[in-house]
Amino acid sequence: MKHFSKILLAIFALVAIIGCDSLIYDDNKDCPQGVYVSFYSKTPCDEEQVYPSVERLEVFAFDQNGVLAGVQEVSNPKLSADYEIYMPLPEGYYTFVAWTGLDKERLDRASLQVGTTKKSDLLFSLKEKAGFADANPVPGFKIYQGESEVVYLPSSEDNGTVERHTKINLLEQTNRIKVSLIGVKEPNNFEIRVYSANGSMNADGGIVMNQKVMQYPGIATANPGDTVLVSKFNTLKLKTGYRNTLEVYDKFQNKVMFRADLIGSILLSKSDDHDTNINLDCTHDFDVKLYVRDVCDCDDYTVIACEVNLIKWNIHSYNIDLGGVY
């Protein structure tokens, strides 16, 4: 009798398998189905795919109306050509949005609700500490985001188990900016400042409009007796229209001696032999140099020229009145 029961159990298991993988079985409505999602990173300027090292991966499935249908979170994923996660989902059209590096200590996260949250809804905002965005450049942070193409899962009742595969191109949403003020006699009398209203982002990767301007903290260094002040910053995605500002503040006279639109300066950069635009989808590390020189060569710095250079390109020159202090 016991032997007969084992045979029956094996038969039932076989029928269940056949039922989800074959059209000969009538009742497939409870067959499992879903989508395998894999990840890579490739900017418009890259020739090869790469696989960034990330500490945390979050994947959101949105239905054809842009409403959240499922969530998967993975700690310490090892992204590679063979790595993928499985998301079980019912019949429908889906897109998948992935994020990495969303540190809960640094970010105020929105509450996500399956069946309610939309792709265009707020996902996070940078927290503030002592009036600065919580974005200290040391040790720094990187955030990646990407979205898949539309994937269709047919009815399991008509097709049994259906499993699709899709890929997400993870693109960096952060930047590292190094700003050097070169040629001032007392570099510690100055402060380099970076501002932006880019601190809040939606689930689809869009920056939320009409948010407050945040000042990003910088790590400043100036060697004794030197004429160079260097500040490093780590920011969220830079995009025009979000009040991105670069300032040099004179702490001695309590005034701004230089102010420019950071993104405008980047996009207007010029090479040695032709005009060119920086592609912000490809470049995330910027080296901005502000050169100060005595225009009249009289060593009193009553009027100076300030030249802005990004990487190897000269961008702008400005005449600035320092009031004869330096």
C-alpha atoms as a PDB file:
ATOM      1  CA  MET A   1       0.000   0.000   0.000  1.00  0.00           C
ATOM      2  CA  LYS A   2       2.816   2.380   0.885  1.00  0.00           C
ATOM      3  CA  HIS A   3       4.530   1.573  -2.404  1.00  0.00           C
ATOM      4  CA  PHE A   4       1.279   2.277  -4.281  1.00  0.00           C
ATOM      5  CA  SER A   5       0.953   5.716  -2.556  1.00  0.00           C
ATOM      6  CA  LYS A   6       4.452   6.697  -3.720  1.00  0.00           C
ATOM      7  CA  ILE A   7       3.515   5.795  -7.289  1.00  0.00           C
ATOM      8  CA  LEU A   8       0.372   7.940  -7.104  1.00  0.00           C
ATOM      9  CA  LEU A   9       2.363  10.877  -5.692  1.00  0.00           C
ATOM     10  CA  ALA A  10       4.859  10.626  -8.548  1.00  0.00           C
ATOM     11  CA  ILE A  11       2.034  10.539 -11.089  1.00  0.00           C
ATOM     12  CA  PHE A  12       0.393  13.656  -9.594  1.00  0.00           C
ATOM     13  CA  ALA A  13       3.716  15.537  -9.632  1.00  0.00           C
ATOM     14  CA  LEU A  14       4.271  14.571 -13.266  1.00  0.00           C
ATOM     15  CA  VAL A  15       0.782  15.737 -14.217  1.00  0.00           C
ATOM     16  CA  ALA A  16       1.404  19.086 -12.478  1.00  0.00           C
ATOM     17  CA  ILE A  17       4.609  19.589 -14.431  1.00  0.00           C
ATOM     18  CA  ILE A  18       2.968  18.636 -17.703  1.00  0.00           C
ATOM     19  CA  GLY A  19       0.034  20.923 -16.904  1.00  0.00           C
ATOM     20  CA  CYS A  20       2.240  24.057 -16.715  1.00  0.00           C
ATOM     21  CA  ASP A  21       4.504  23.233 -19.630  1.00  0.00           C
ATOM     22  CA  SER A  22       2.141  21.682 -22.136  1.00  0.00           C
ATOM     23  CA  LEU A  23      -1.021  22.664 -23.976  1.00  0.00           C
ATOM     24  CA  ILE A  24      -2.523  19.180 -23.515  1.00  0.00           C
ATOM     25  CA  TYR A  25      -3.614  19.986 -19.955  1.00  0.00           C
ATOM     26  CA  ASP A  26      -6.816  22.001 -19.486  1.00  0.00           C
ATOM     27  CA  ASP A  27      -6.219  23.943 -16.225  1.00  0.00           C
ATOM     28  CA  ASN A  28      -3.085  26.137 -16.340  1.00  0.00           C
ATOM     29  CA  LYS A  29      -4.372  29.250 -14.564  1.00  0.00           C
ATOM     30  CA  ASP A  30      -2.233  28.664 -11.454  1.00  0.00           C
ATOM     31  CA  CYS A  31       0.983  27.943 -13.342  1.00  0.00           C
ATOM     32  CA  PRO A  32       3.901  30.155 -12.222  1.00  0.00           C
ATOM     33  CA  GLN A  33       5.269  32.713 -14.657  1.00  0.00           C
ATOM     34  CA  GLY A  34       7.534  35.732 -14.524  1.00  0.00           C
ATOM     35  CA  VAL A  35      10.480  37.660 -15.930  1.00  0.00           C
ATOM     36  CA  TYR A  36      14.243  37.212 -15.511  1.00  0.00           C
ATOM     37  CA  VAL A  37      15.994  40.590 -15.313  1.00  0.00           C
ATOM     38  CA  SER A  38      19.722  41.037 -15.937  1.00  0.00           C
ATOM     39  CA  PHE A  39      21.881  44.171 -15.623  1.00  0.00           C
ATOM     40  CA  TYR A  40      24.817  45.916 -17.282  1.00  0.00           C
ATOM     41  CA  SER A  41      26.167  49.442 -17.743  1.00  0.00           C
ATOM     42  CA  LYS A  42      26.994  51.018 -21.090  1.00  0.00           C
ATOM     43  CA  THR A  43      26.974  54.774 -21.743  1.00  0.00           C
ATOM     44  CA  PRO A  44      26.421  56.203 -25.253  1.00  0.00           C
ATOM     45  CA  CYS A  45      30.186  56.744 -25.427  1.00  0.00           C
ATOM     46  CA  ASP A  46      31.202  53.205 -24.420  1.00  0.00           C
ATOM     47  CA  GLU A  47      31.979  50.375 -26.795  1.00  0.00           C
ATOM     48  CA  GLU A  48      31.714  47.562 -24.247  1.00  0.00           C
ATOM     49  CA  GLN A  49      29.344  46.695 -21.421  1.00  0.00           C
ATOM     50  CA  VAL A  50      30.648  46.834 -17.865  1.00  0.00           C
ATOM     51  CA  TYR A  51      29.256  45.545 -14.590  1.00  0.00           C
ATOM     52  CA  PRO A  52      29.545  48.007 -11.697  1.00  0.00           C
ATOM     53  CA  SER A  53      30.161  46.850  -8.159  1.00  0.00           C
ATOM     54  CA  VAL A  54      27.119  47.732  -6.053  1.00  0.00           C
ATOM     55  CA  GLU A  55      26.061  47.098  -2.467  1.00  0.00           C
ATOM     56  CA  ARG A  56      22.316  47.024  -2.965  1.00  0.00           C
ATOM     57  CA  LEU A  57      20.000  46.468  -5.927  1.00  0.00           C
ATOM     58  CA  GLU A  58      16.307  47.376  -6.042  1.00  0.00           C
ATOM     59  CA  VAL A  59      14.077  46.424  -8.970  1.00  0.00           C
ATOM     60  CA  PHE A  60      10.538  47.710  -9.495  1.00  0.00           C
ATOM     61  CA  ALA A  61       8.040  46.236 -11.961  1.00  0.00           C
ATOM     62  CA  PHE A  62       5.473  48.685 -13.366  1.00  0.00           C
ATOM     63  CA  ASP A  63       2.403  47.651 -15.360  1.00  0.00           C
ATOM     64  CA  GLN A  64       1.209  49.202 -18.632  1.00  0.00           C
ATOM     65  CA  ASN A  65      -0.395  52.060 -16.664  1.00  0.00           C
ATOM     66  CA  GLY A  66       2.862  52.860 -14.903  1.00  0.00           C
ATOM     67  CA  VAL A  67       1.617  51.473 -11.573  1.00  0.00           C
ATOM     68  CA  LEU A  68       3.899  49.456  -9.287  1.00  0.00           C
ATOM     69  CA  ALA A  69       3.225  45.712  -9.652  1.00  0.00           C
ATOM     70  CA  GLY A  70       6.197  44.136  -7.844  1.00  0.00           C
ATOM     71  CA  VAL A  71       9.444  44.822  -5.966  1.00  0.00           C
ATOM     72  CA  GLN A  72      12.661  42.857  -5.520  1.00  0.00           C
ATOM     73  CA  GLU A  73      15.627  43.861  -3.315  1.00  0.00           C
ATOM     74  CA  VAL A  74      19.040  42.177  -3.283  1.00  0.00           C
ATOM     75  CA  SER A  75      22.007  42.901  -1.007  1.00  0.00           C
ATOM     76  CA  ASN A  76      25.558  42.676  -2.380  1.00  0.00           C
ATOM     77  CA  PRO A  77      24.629  41.399  -5.851  1.00  0.00           C
ATOM     78  CA  LYS A  78      27.521  40.273  -8.050  1.00  0.00           C
ATOM     79  CA  LEU A  79      26.545  41.807 -11.370  1.00  0.00           C
ATOM     80  CA  SER A  80      27.880  39.930 -14.385  1.00  0.00           C
ATOM     81  CA  ALA A  81      26.827  38.688 -17.812  1.00  0.00           C
ATOM     82  CA  ASP A  82      25.216  35.661 -16.135  1.00  0.00           C
ATOM     83  CA  TYR A  83      23.597  37.399 -13.157  1.00  0.00           C
ATOM     84  CA  GLU A  84      19.816  37.856 -13.166  1.00  0.00           C
ATOM     85  CA  ILE A  85      16.903  37.997 -10.773  1.00  0.00           C
ATOM     86  CA  TYR A  86      13.456  36.451 -11.202  1.00  0.00           C
ATOM     87  CA  MET A  87      10.253  38.425 -10.663  1.00  0.00           C
ATOM     88  CA  PRO A  88       7.000  36.399 -10.640  1.00  0.00           C
ATOM     89  CA  LEU A  89       4.172  38.368 -12.273  1.00  0.00           C
ATOM     90  CA  PRO A  90       0.705  37.693 -13.745  1.00  0.00           C
ATOM     91  CA  GLU A  91      -0.374  38.323 -17.322  1.00  0.00           C
ATOM     92  CA  GLY A  92       0.310  41.842 -18.584  1.00  0.00           C
ATOM     93  CA  TYR A  93       2.727  44.370 -20.046  1.00  0.00           C
ATOM     94  CA  TYR A  94       5.610  45.449 -17.778  1.00  0.00           C
ATOM     95  CA  THR A  95       8.629  47.692 -17.622  1.00  0.00           C
ATOM     96  CA  PHE A  96      11.313  47.208 -14.988  1.00  0.00           C
ATOM     97  CA  VAL A  97      13.193  50.020 -13.240  1.00  0.00           C
ATOM     98  CA  ALA A  98      16.351  49.266 -11.260  1.00  0.00           C
ATOM     99  CA  TRP A  99      18.260  51.415  -8.771  1.00  0.00           C
ATOM    100  CA  THR A 100      21.511  50.802  -6.912  1.00  0.00           C
ATOM    101  CA  GLY A 101      23.164  52.686  -4.081  1.00  0.00           C
ATOM    102  CA  LEU A 102      20.019  54.074  -2.454  1.00  0.00           C
ATOM    103  CA  ASP A 103      21.494  54.473   1.024  1.00  0.00           C
ATOM    104  CA  LYS A 104      18.641  54.793   3.522  1.00  0.00           C
ATOM    105  CA  GLU A 105      20.897  56.710   5.913  1.00  0.00           C
ATOM    106  CA  ARG A 106      21.533  59.420   3.297  1.00  0.00           C
ATOM    107  CA  LEU A 107      18.100  59.535   1.660  1.00  0.00           C
ATOM    108  CA  ASP A 108      14.530  60.154   2.710  1.00  0.00           C
ATOM    109  CA  ARG A 109      12.684  57.354   0.929  1.00  0.00           C
ATOM    110  CA  ALA A 110       9.091  57.579  -0.225  1.00  0.00           C
ATOM    111  CA  SER A 111       6.723  54.806   0.849  1.00  0.00           C
ATOM    112  CA  LEU A 112       6.099  52.504  -2.121  1.00  0.00           C
ATOM    113  CA  GLN A 113       2.780  50.681  -2.412  1.00  0.00           C
ATOM    114  CA  VAL A 114       2.097  47.906  -4.924  1.00  0.00           C
ATOM    115  CA  GLY A 115      -1.030  48.815  -6.868  1.00  0.00           C
ATOM    116  CA  THR A 116      -0.768  52.527  -5.989  1.00  0.00           C
ATOM    117  CA  THR A 117       2.708  54.000  -6.537  1.00  0.00           C
ATOM    118  CA  LYS A 118       3.407  55.294 -10.055  1.00  0.00           C
ATOM    119  CA  LYS A 119       6.639  55.344 -12.016  1.00  0.00           C
ATOM    120  CA  SER A 120       6.503  59.150 -12.043  1.00  0.00           C
ATOM    121  CA  ASP A 121       6.145  59.407  -8.237  1.00  0.00           C
ATOM    122  CA  LEU A 122       8.860  60.604  -5.861  1.00  0.00           C
ATOM    123  CA  LEU A 123      11.342  57.894  -4.877  1.00  0.00           C
ATOM    124  CA  PHE A 124      13.816  59.741  -2.645  1.00  0.00           C
ATOM    125  CA  SER A 125      15.240  63.079  -1.499  1.00  0.00           C
ATOM    126  CA  LEU A 126      18.702  63.845  -0.185  1.00  0.00           C
ATOM    127  CA  LYS A 127      18.707  64.524   3.542  1.00  0.00           C
ATOM    128  CA  GLU A 128      20.349  67.643   4.939  1.00  0.00           C
ATOM    129  CA  LYS A 129      22.897  67.925   7.729  1.00  0.00           C
ATOM    130  CA  ALA A 130      23.744  71.299   9.235  1.00  0.00           C
ATOM    131  CA  GLY A 131      22.372  73.089   6.175  1.00  0.00           C
ATOM    132  CA  PHE A 132      24.235  70.945   3.619  1.00  0.00           C
ATOM    133  CA  ALA A 133      23.069  68.074   1.430  1.00  0.00           C
ATOM    134  CA  ASP A 134      24.063  64.736   2.969  1.00  0.00           C
ATOM    135  CA  ALA A 135      26.567  64.066   0.206  1.00  0.00           C
ATOM    136  CA  ASN A 136      30.007  64.137   1.750  1.00  0.00           C
ATOM    137  CA  PRO A 137      32.613  63.485  -0.988  1.00  0.00           C
ATOM    138  CA  VAL A 138      34.632  61.286   1.372  1.00  0.00           C
ATOM    139  CA  PRO A 139      34.163  58.358   1.108  1.00  0.00           C
ATOM    140  CA  GLY A 140      31.723  59.397  -1.628  1.00  0.00           C
ATOM    141  CA  PHE A 141      28.853  57.478  -3.214  1.00  0.00           C
ATOM    142  CA  LYS A 142      27.565  56.286  -6.570  1.00  0.00           C
ATOM    143  CA  ILE A 143      23.971  55.720  -7.642  1.00  0.00           C
ATOM    144  CA  TYR A 144      22.893  53.894 -10.829  1.00  0.00           C
ATOM    145  CA  GLN A 145      19.456  53.705 -12.448  1.00  0.00           C
ATOM    146  CA  GLY A 146      18.001  52.136 -15.569  1.00  0.00           C
ATOM    147  CA  GLU A 147      14.805  50.943 -17.221  1.00  0.00           C
ATOM    148  CA  SER A 148      13.998  47.934 -19.404  1.00  0.00           C
ATOM    149  CA  GLU A 149      11.986  47.713 -22.578  1.00  0.00           C
ATOM    150  CA  VAL A 150       8.342  46.638 -22.366  1.00  0.00           C
ATOM    151  CA  VAL A 151       7.878  42.920 -21.653  1.00  0.00           C
ATOM    152  CA  TYR A 152       4.630  41.050 -22.292  1.00  0.00           C
ATOM    153  CA  LEU A 153       3.529  38.018 -20.271  1.00  0.00           C
ATOM    154  CA  PRO A 154       0.607  36.145 -21.876  1.00  0.00           C
ATOM    155  CA  SER A 155      -2.123  34.341 -19.962  1.00  0.00           C
ATOM    156  CA  SER A 156      -0.880  31.331 -17.995  1.00  0.00           C
ATOM    157  CA  GLU A 157      -4.297  29.733 -18.382  1.00  0.00           C
ATOM    158  CA  ASP A 158      -3.778  29.552 -22.141  1.00  0.00           C
ATOM    159  CA  ASN A 159      -0.012  29.047 -22.224  1.00  0.00           C
ATOM    160  CA  GLY A 160       1.074  27.418 -18.984  1.00  0.00           C
ATOM    161  CA  THR A 161       4.341  28.602 -17.500  1.00  0.00           C
ATOM    162  CA  VAL A 162       5.829  31.517 -19.458  1.00  0.00           C
ATOM    163  CA  GLU A 163       9.202  33.027 -18.575  1.00  0.00           C
ATOM    164  CA  ARG A 164      10.629  36.056 -20.338  1.00  0.00           C
ATOM    165  CA  HIS A 165      14.066  37.693 -20.158  1.00  0.00           C
ATOM    166  CA  THR A 166      14.938  41.387 -20.229  1.00  0.00           C
ATOM    167  CA  LYS A 167      17.967  43.611 -19.572  1.00  0.00           C
ATOM    168  CA  ILE A 168      18.455  46.936 -17.816  1.00  0.00           C
ATOM    169  CA  ASN A 169      21.225  49.376 -18.691  1.00  0.00           C
ATOM    170  CA  LEU A 170      22.297  50.932 -15.387  1.00  0.00           C
ATOM    171  CA  LEU A 171      23.545  54.503 -15.912  1.00  0.00           C
ATOM    172  CA  GLU A 172      25.248  56.550 -13.214  1.00  0.00           C
ATOM    173  CA  GLN A 173      23.165  59.263 -11.541  1.00  0.00           C
ATOM    174  CA  THR A 174      26.003  60.859  -9.553  1.00  0.00           C
ATOM    175  CA  ASN A 175      29.035  63.048 -10.243  1.00  0.00           C
ATOM    176  CA  ARG A 176      32.393  63.875  -8.728  1.00  0.00           C
ATOM    177  CA  ILE A 177      33.588  67.451  -9.166  1.00  0.00           C
ATOM    178  CA  LYS A 178      37.038  68.804  -8.350  1.00  0.00           C
ATOM    179  CA  VAL A 179      37.321  72.602  -8.394  1.00  0.00           C
ATOM    180  CA  SER A 180      40.723  74.318  -8.140  1.00  0.00           C
ATOM    181  CA  LEU A 181      41.181  78.042  -7.465  1.00  0.00           C
ATOM    182  CA  ILE A 182      44.691  78.777  -8.739  1.00  0.00           C
ATOM    183  CA  GLY A 183      46.741  81.924  -8.288  1.00  0.00           C
ATOM    184  CA  VAL A 184      45.360  83.546  -5.113  1.00  0.00           C
ATOM    185  CA  LYS A 185      47.806  84.737  -2.457  1.00  0.00           C
ATOM    186  CA  GLU A 186      45.711  83.557   0.497  1.00  0.00           C
ATOM    187  CA  PRO A 187      43.713  80.498  -0.632  1.00  0.00           C
ATOM    188  CA  ASN A 188      42.301  79.882   2.848  1.00  0.00           C
ATOM    189  CA  ASN A 189      40.501  83.229   2.602  1.00  0.00           C
ATOM    190  CA  PHE A 190      38.221  81.720  -0.042  1.00  0.00           C
ATOM    191  CA  GLU A 191      35.529  79.055  -0.130  1.00  0.00           C
ATOM    192  CA  ILE A 192      34.348  77.164  -3.217  1.00  0.00           C
ATOM    193  CA  ARG A 193      30.634  76.422  -3.207  1.00  0.00           C
ATOM    194  CA  VAL A 194      28.362  74.218  -5.332  1.00  0.00           C
ATOM    195  CA  TYR A 195      24.561  74.478  -5.320  1.00  0.00           C
ATOM    196  CA  SER A 196      21.751  72.619  -7.098  1.00  0.00           C
ATOM    197  CA  ALA A 197      18.027  71.917  -6.842  1.00  0.00           C
ATOM    198  CA  ASN A 198      18.606  68.312  -7.988  1.00  0.00           C
ATOM    199  CA  GLY A 199      18.171  66.622  -4.607  1.00  0.00           C
ATOM    200  CA  SER A 200      14.865  64.795  -5.254  1.00  0.00           C
ATOM    201  CA  MET A 201      14.308  62.098  -7.888  1.00  0.00           C
ATOM    202  CA  ASN A 202      11.349  60.068  -9.136  1.00  0.00           C
ATOM    203  CA  ALA A 203      11.287  56.309  -9.613  1.00  0.00           C
ATOM    204  CA  ASP A 204      11.741  56.746 -13.381  1.00  0.00           C
ATOM    205  CA  GLY A 205      14.992  58.692 -12.839  1.00  0.00           C
ATOM    206  CA  GLY A 206      13.569  62.157 -13.452  1.00  0.00           C
ATOM    207  CA  ILE A 207      14.628  65.033 -11.203  1.00  0.00           C
ATOM    208  CA  VAL A 208      11.706  66.595  -9.345  1.00  0.00           C
ATOM    209  CA  MET A 209      11.102  70.202 -10.410  1.00  0.00           C
ATOM    210  CA  ASN A 210      10.660  73.222  -8.100  1.00  0.00           C
ATOM    211  CA  GLN A 211      12.562  71.799  -5.156  1.00  0.00           C
ATOM    212  CA  LYS A 212      14.748  73.863  -2.831  1.00  0.00           C
ATOM    213  CA  VAL A 213      18.320  74.665  -3.802  1.00  0.00           C
ATOM    214  CA  MET A 214      20.750  72.627  -1.718  1.00  0.00           C
ATOM    215  CA  GLN A 215      24.377  73.417  -1.024  1.00  0.00           C
ATOM    216  CA  TYR A 216      26.678  70.435  -1.501  1.00  0.00           C
ATOM    217  CA  PRO A 217      29.461  70.039   1.056  1.00  0.00           C
ATOM    218  CA  GLY A 218      33.024  70.259  -0.203  1.00  0.00           C
ATOM    219  CA  ILE A 219      36.289  68.924   1.134  1.00  0.00           C
ATOM    220  CA  ALA A 220      38.806  71.778   0.807  1.00  0.00           C
ATOM    221  CA  THR A 221      42.588  71.558   0.905  1.00  0.00           C
ATOM    222  CA  ALA A 222      45.235  74.284   0.651  1.00  0.00           C
ATOM    223  CA  ASN A 223      48.903  73.766   1.454  1.00  0.00           C
ATOM    224  CA  PRO A 224      50.602  76.425   3.606  1.00  0.00           C
ATOM    225  CA  GLY A 225      52.350  79.011   1.449  1.00  0.00           C
ATOM    226  CA  ASP A 226      50.616  77.711  -1.679  1.00  0.00           C
ATOM    227  CA  THR A 227      48.420  79.711  -4.073  1.00  0.00           C
ATOM    228  CA  VAL A 228      45.921  76.929  -4.833  1.00  0.00           C
ATOM    229  CA  LEU A 229      42.640  76.026  -3.136  1.00  0.00           C
ATOM    230  CA  VAL A 230      41.094  72.660  -4.089  1.00  0.00           C
ATOM    231  CA  SER A 231      37.577  71.522  -3.190  1.00  0.00           C
ATOM    232  CA  LYS A 232      35.969  68.192  -4.043  1.00  0.00           C
ATOM    233  CA  PHE A 233      32.233  67.515  -4.310  1.00  0.00           C
ATOM    234  CA  ASN A 234      29.955  64.504  -4.818  1.00  0.00           C
ATOM    235  CA  THR A 235      26.569  65.415  -6.351  1.00  0.00           C
ATOM    236  CA  LEU A 236      23.469  63.799  -7.744  1.00  0.00           C
ATOM    237  CA  LYS A 237      22.724  63.904 -11.478  1.00  0.00           C
ATOM    238  CA  LEU A 238      23.459  67.248 -13.121  1.00  0.00           C
ATOM    239  CA  LYS A 239      20.880  68.537 -15.581  1.00  0.00           C
ATOM    240  CA  THR A 240      20.181  71.994 -16.960  1.00  0.00           C
ATOM    241  CA  GLY A 241      17.302  73.944 -15.466  1.00  0.00           C
ATOM    242  CA  TYR A 242      17.906  72.986 -11.840  1.00  0.00           C
ATOM    243  CA  ARG A 243      19.810  76.090 -10.701  1.00  0.00           C
ATOM    244  CA  ASN A 244      23.240  74.478 -10.755  1.00  0.00           C
ATOM    245  CA  THR A 245      25.678  77.097  -9.496  1.00  0.00           C
ATOM    246  CA  LEU A 246      29.420  77.332  -8.884  1.00  0.00           C
ATOM    247  CA  GLU A 247      30.611  80.102  -6.556  1.00  0.00           C
ATOM    248  CA  VAL A 248      33.863  81.363  -5.085  1.00  0.00           C
ATOM    249  CA  TYR A 249      33.175  83.109  -1.801  1.00  0.00           C
ATOM    250  CA  ASP A 250      35.578  85.652  -0.273  1.00  0.00           C
ATOM    251  CA  LYS A 251      35.498  84.935   3.470  1.00  0.00           C
ATOM    252  CA  PHE A 252      37.658  88.001   4.212  1.00  0.00           C
ATOM    253  CA  GLN A 253      35.243  90.468   2.601  1.00  0.00           C
ATOM    254  CA  ASN A 254      32.083  88.345   3.092  1.00  0.00           C
ATOM    255  CA  LYS A 255      31.051  88.458  -0.549  1.00  0.00           C
ATOM    256  CA  VAL A 256      30.806  86.262  -3.627  1.00  0.00           C
ATOM    257  CA  MET A 257      33.689  87.105  -5.962  1.00  0.00           C
ATOM    258  CA  PHE A 258      32.694  84.662  -8.725  1.00  0.00           C
ATOM    259  CA  ARG A 259      29.441  82.979  -9.719  1.00  0.00           C
ATOM    260  CA  ALA A 260      28.621  80.892 -12.811  1.00  0.00           C
ATOM    261  CA  ASP A 261      26.134  78.292 -14.021  1.00  0.00           C
ATOM    262  CA  LEU A 262      28.062  75.045 -13.606  1.00  0.00           C
ATOM    263  CA  ILE A 263      26.239  73.121 -16.321  1.00  0.00           C
ATOM    264  CA  GLY A 264      26.367  76.077 -18.687  1.00  0.00           C
ATOM    265  CA  SER A 265      30.120  76.224 -18.275  1.00  0.00           C
ATOM    266  CA  ILE A 266      30.418  72.520 -19.026  1.00  0.00           C
ATOM    267  CA  LEU A 267      28.241  72.625 -22.131  1.00  0.00           C
ATOM    268  CA  LEU A 268      29.999  75.700 -23.535  1.00  0.00           C
ATOM    269  CA  SER A 269      33.467  74.225 -23.219  1.00  0.00           C
ATOM    270  CA  LYS A 270      35.771  74.514 -26.228  1.00  0.00           C
ATOM    271  CA  SER A 271      38.692  72.319 -27.277  1.00  0.00           C
ATOM    272  CA  ASP A 272      41.885  73.563 -28.919  1.00  0.00           C
ATOM    273  CA  ASP A 273      40.676  73.165 -32.498  1.00  0.00           C
ATOM    274  CA  HIS A 274      36.875  72.935 -32.470  1.00  0.00           C
ATOM    275  CA  ASP A 275      33.742  73.515 -30.438  1.00  0.00           C
ATOM    276  CA  THR A 276      32.508  70.526 -28.474  1.00  0.00           C
ATOM    277  CA  ASN A 277      29.859  69.598 -25.929  1.00  0.00           C
ATOM    278  CA  ILE A 278      30.437  67.424 -22.882  1.00  0.00           C
ATOM    279  CA  ASN A 279      28.008  64.493 -22.819  1.00  0.00           C
ATOM    280  CA  LEU A 280      26.729  64.345 -19.238  1.00  0.00           C
ATOM    281  CA  ASP A 281      25.429  60.821 -19.909  1.00  0.00           C
ATOM    282  CA  CYS A 282      29.029  59.691 -20.368  1.00  0.00           C
ATOM    283  CA  THR A 283      31.179  61.872 -18.135  1.00  0.00           C
ATOM    284  CA  HIS A 284      30.731  61.968 -14.354  1.00  0.00           C
ATOM    285  CA  ASP A 285      34.156  63.146 -13.163  1.00  0.00           C
ATOM    286  CA  PHE A 286      34.919  66.824 -13.716  1.00  0.00           C
ATOM    287  CA  ASP A 287      38.075  68.815 -13.048  1.00  0.00           C
ATOM    288  CA  VAL A 288      37.234  72.546 -13.062  1.00  0.00           C
ATOM    289  CA  LYS A 289      40.119  75.014 -12.738  1.00  0.00           C
ATOM    290  CA  LEU A 290      39.663  78.711 -11.922  1.00  0.00           C
ATOM    291  CA  TYR A 291      42.828  80.641 -12.806  1.00  0.00           C
ATOM    292  CA  VAL A 292      43.382  83.986 -11.104  1.00  0.00           C
ATOM    293  CA  ARG A 293      45.987  86.435 -12.428  1.00  0.00           C
ATOM    294  CA  ASP A 294      46.885  90.078 -11.894  1.00  0.00           C
ATOM    295  CA  VAL A 295      45.650  91.895 -15.026  1.00  0.00           C
ATOM    296  CA  CYS A 296      47.753  95.030 -14.540  1.00  0.00           C
ATOM    297  CA  ASP A 297      50.785  93.065 -13.320  1.00  0.00           C
ATOM    298  CA  CYS A 298      51.065  95.485 -10.414  1.00  0.00           C
ATOM    299  CA  ASP A 299      50.871  92.888  -7.657  1.00  0.00           C
ATOM    300  CA  ASP A 300      47.997  94.583  -5.835  1.00  0.00           C
ATOM    301  CA  TYR A 301      45.261  92.474  -7.481  1.00  0.00           C
ATOM    302  CA  THR A 302      42.901  95.457  -7.684  1.00  0.00           C
ATOM    303  CA  VAL A 303      41.450  93.852 -10.819  1.00  0.00           C
ATOM    304  CA  ILE A 304      42.093  90.219 -11.687  1.00  0.00           C
ATOM    305  CA  ALA A 305      41.167  87.904 -14.522  1.00  0.00           C
ATOM    306  CA  CYS A 306      39.517  84.606 -13.631  1.00  0.00           C
ATOM    307  CA  GLU A 307      39.661  81.899 -16.297  1.00  0.00           C
ATOM    308  CA  VAL A 308      37.496  78.800 -16.035  1.00  0.00           C
ATOM    309  CA  ASN A 309      38.872  75.522 -17.406  1.00  0.00           C
ATOM    310  CA  LEU A 310      37.069  72.199 -17.413  1.00  0.00           C
ATOM    311  CA  ILE A 311      39.405  69.255 -17.921  1.00  0.00           C
ATOM    312  CA  LYS A 312      41.585  70.615 -20.793  1.00  0.00           C
ATOM    313  CA  TRP A 313      39.159  73.169 -22.269  1.00  0.00           C
ATOM    314  CA  ASN A 314      39.035  76.893 -21.611  1.00  0.00           C
ATOM    315  CA  ILE A 315      35.482  78.041 -20.997  1.00  0.00           C
ATOM    316  CA  HIS A 316      35.239  81.659 -19.851  1.00  0.00           C
ATOM    317  CA  SER A 317      37.333  84.588 -18.658  1.00  0.00           C
ATOM    318  CA  TYR A 318      36.088  87.156 -16.167  1.00  0.00           C
ATOM    319  CA  ASN A 319      37.406  90.417 -14.779  1.00  0.00           C
ATOM    320  CA  ILE A 320      36.798  90.705 -11.034  1.00  0.00           C
ATOM    321  CA  ASP A 321      37.343  93.660  -8.729  1.00  0.00           C
ATOM    322  CA  LEU A 322      38.883  92.523  -5.431  1.00  0.00           C
ATOM    323  CA  GLY A 323      38.968  96.011  -3.993  1.00  0.00           C
ATOM    324  CA  GLY A 324      42.723  96.161  -3.597  1.00  0.00           C
ATOM    325  CA  VAL A 325      42.732  93.799  -0.605  1.00  0.00           C
ATOM    326  CA  TYR A 326      44.897  91.125  -2.154  1.00  0.00           C
END
